[in-house]
Amino acid sequence: MELEPIFLRLAPSDIALVKFVFESYEGVAVVRTVDRHAAEIVALVSRDFLAVARAILADLSERIPLAEIPRPPEAGDDWLMRVLDDDS
């Protein structure tokens, strides 16, 4: 399964909400915290569900402030991101 990373910055208090919402859509994405202090997360989205994930993010952005960001340098510190990088 190929995963597409979508990096986001949001309020620290909203990280759990975003994780919960994506978890409720089983199989769409896995959400990992890249930097909890900077409130940066990555949604590792199955390419088959990229449109669904984008729709979820569009809806969330109407409810909470969040922004898509470029890949932070700290993202390589996460073991799962390293595995995905090795696979590509």
C-alpha atoms as a PDB file:
ATOM      1  CA  MET A   1       0.000   0.000   0.000  1.00  0.00           C
ATOM      2  CA  GLU A   2       1.392   3.387  -0.970  1.00  0.00           C
ATOM      3  CA  LEU A   3       0.979   6.267   1.451  1.00  0.00           C
ATOM      4  CA  GLU A   4       0.884   9.970   0.672  1.00  0.00           C
ATOM      5  CA  PRO A   5       2.063  12.209   3.546  1.00  0.00           C
ATOM      6  CA  ILE A   6       0.114  15.383   4.264  1.00  0.00           C
ATOM      7  CA  PHE A   7       1.896  17.572   6.807  1.00  0.00           C
ATOM      8  CA  LEU A   8      -0.201  19.917   8.933  1.00  0.00           C
ATOM      9  CA  ARG A   9       0.269  22.586  11.583  1.00  0.00           C
ATOM     10  CA  LEU A  10      -2.537  23.194  14.035  1.00  0.00           C
ATOM     11  CA  ALA A  11      -3.165  24.139  17.644  1.00  0.00           C
ATOM     12  CA  PRO A  12      -1.689  21.621  20.085  1.00  0.00           C
ATOM     13  CA  SER A  13      -5.112  21.181  21.660  1.00  0.00           C
ATOM     14  CA  ASP A  14      -6.529  20.037  18.282  1.00  0.00           C
ATOM     15  CA  ILE A  15      -4.031  17.234  17.607  1.00  0.00           C
ATOM     16  CA  ALA A  16      -6.114  14.617  19.428  1.00  0.00           C
ATOM     17  CA  LEU A  17      -9.263  15.704  17.582  1.00  0.00           C
ATOM     18  CA  VAL A  18      -7.640  15.326  14.155  1.00  0.00           C
ATOM     19  CA  LYS A  19      -6.210  11.929  15.114  1.00  0.00           C
ATOM     20  CA  PHE A  20      -9.610  10.786  16.378  1.00  0.00           C
ATOM     21  CA  VAL A  21     -11.434  11.937  13.242  1.00  0.00           C
ATOM     22  CA  PHE A  22      -9.019  10.121  10.926  1.00  0.00           C
ATOM     23  CA  GLU A  23      -9.110   6.992  13.092  1.00  0.00           C
ATOM     24  CA  SER A  24     -12.898   6.961  12.805  1.00  0.00           C
ATOM     25  CA  TYR A  25     -12.497   6.627   9.019  1.00  0.00           C
ATOM     26  CA  GLU A  26     -10.759   3.264   9.198  1.00  0.00           C
ATOM     27  CA  GLY A  27      -8.206   2.681   6.467  1.00  0.00           C
ATOM     28  CA  VAL A  28      -8.024   6.289   5.235  1.00  0.00           C
ATOM     29  CA  ALA A  29      -4.949   7.493   7.106  1.00  0.00           C
ATOM     30  CA  VAL A  30      -2.613   7.050  10.015  1.00  0.00           C
ATOM     31  CA  VAL A  31      -1.836  10.263  11.867  1.00  0.00           C
ATOM     32  CA  ARG A  32       1.550  10.719  13.520  1.00  0.00           C
ATOM     33  CA  THR A  33       2.820  13.643  15.571  1.00  0.00           C
ATOM     34  CA  VAL A  34       5.968  15.088  14.017  1.00  0.00           C
ATOM     35  CA  ASP A  35       6.574  17.802  16.633  1.00  0.00           C
ATOM     36  CA  ARG A  36       4.150  18.155  19.519  1.00  0.00           C
ATOM     37  CA  HIS A  37       5.618  21.490  20.644  1.00  0.00           C
ATOM     38  CA  ALA A  38       5.222  23.042  17.189  1.00  0.00           C
ATOM     39  CA  ALA A  39       1.919  21.144  16.774  1.00  0.00           C
ATOM     40  CA  GLU A  40       2.988  19.572  13.483  1.00  0.00           C
ATOM     41  CA  ILE A  41       1.474  16.270  12.424  1.00  0.00           C
ATOM     42  CA  VAL A  42       1.475  14.092   9.346  1.00  0.00           C
ATOM     43  CA  ALA A  43      -1.491  12.213   7.934  1.00  0.00           C
ATOM     44  CA  LEU A  44      -0.141   9.191   6.064  1.00  0.00           C
ATOM     45  CA  VAL A  45      -2.953   8.722   3.594  1.00  0.00           C
ATOM     46  CA  SER A  46      -3.593   5.653   1.495  1.00  0.00           C
ATOM     47  CA  ARG A  47      -3.453   6.863  -2.109  1.00  0.00           C
ATOM     48  CA  ASP A  48      -6.783   5.123  -2.750  1.00  0.00           C
ATOM     49  CA  PHE A  49      -8.377   7.409  -0.155  1.00  0.00           C
ATOM     50  CA  LEU A  50      -6.595  10.674  -0.952  1.00  0.00           C
ATOM     51  CA  ALA A  51      -9.808  12.403  -2.085  1.00  0.00           C
ATOM     52  CA  VAL A  52     -11.575  11.284   1.105  1.00  0.00           C
ATOM     53  CA  ALA A  53      -8.704  12.548   3.265  1.00  0.00           C
ATOM     54  CA  ARG A  54      -8.713  15.910   1.465  1.00  0.00           C
ATOM     55  CA  ALA A  55     -12.479  16.179   2.060  1.00  0.00           C
ATOM     56  CA  ILE A  56     -11.993  15.406   5.760  1.00  0.00           C
ATOM     57  CA  LEU A  57      -9.313  18.089   5.991  1.00  0.00           C
ATOM     58  CA  ALA A  58     -11.494  20.607   4.161  1.00  0.00           C
ATOM     59  CA  ASP A  59     -14.293  19.989   6.652  1.00  0.00           C
ATOM     60  CA  LEU A  60     -11.931  20.166   9.633  1.00  0.00           C
ATOM     61  CA  SER A  61     -10.453  23.447   8.372  1.00  0.00           C
ATOM     62  CA  GLU A  62     -13.915  25.015   8.621  1.00  0.00           C
ATOM     63  CA  ARG A  63     -14.052  24.042  12.300  1.00  0.00           C
ATOM     64  CA  ILE A  64     -10.475  24.465  13.529  1.00  0.00           C
ATOM     65  CA  PRO A  65      -7.478  26.433  12.268  1.00  0.00           C
ATOM     66  CA  LEU A  66      -5.068  24.153  10.425  1.00  0.00           C
ATOM     67  CA  ALA A  67      -2.602  24.627   7.608  1.00  0.00           C
ATOM     68  CA  GLU A  68      -0.884  22.256   5.243  1.00  0.00           C
ATOM     69  CA  ILE A  69       2.874  22.752   5.469  1.00  0.00           C
ATOM     70  CA  PRO A  70       5.947  21.445   3.657  1.00  0.00           C
ATOM     71  CA  ARG A  71       7.667  18.418   5.133  1.00  0.00           C
ATOM     72  CA  PRO A  72       9.445  19.536   8.333  1.00  0.00           C
ATOM     73  CA  PRO A  73      13.056  18.381   8.793  1.00  0.00           C
ATOM     74  CA  GLU A  74      12.036  16.633  12.039  1.00  0.00           C
ATOM     75  CA  ALA A  75       9.774  14.263  10.093  1.00  0.00           C
ATOM     76  CA  GLY A  76      12.725  11.984   9.395  1.00  0.00           C
ATOM     77  CA  ASP A  77      13.093  11.339  13.136  1.00  0.00           C
ATOM     78  CA  ASP A  78       9.908   9.243  13.187  1.00  0.00           C
ATOM     79  CA  TRP A  79      10.596   5.534  12.619  1.00  0.00           C
ATOM     80  CA  LEU A  80       7.573   5.106  10.355  1.00  0.00           C
ATOM     81  CA  MET A  81       8.593   8.027   8.162  1.00  0.00           C
ATOM     82  CA  ARG A  82      12.096   6.528   7.848  1.00  0.00           C
ATOM     83  CA  VAL A  83      10.606   3.194   6.776  1.00  0.00           C
ATOM     84  CA  LEU A  84       8.435   4.927   4.181  1.00  0.00           C
ATOM     85  CA  ASP A  85      11.407   6.915   2.892  1.00  0.00           C
ATOM     86  CA  ASP A  86      13.419   3.704   2.559  1.00  0.00           C
ATOM     87  CA  ASP A  87      10.596   2.105   0.549  1.00  0.00           C
ATOM     88  CA  SER A  88      10.407   4.919  -2.006  1.00  0.00           C
END
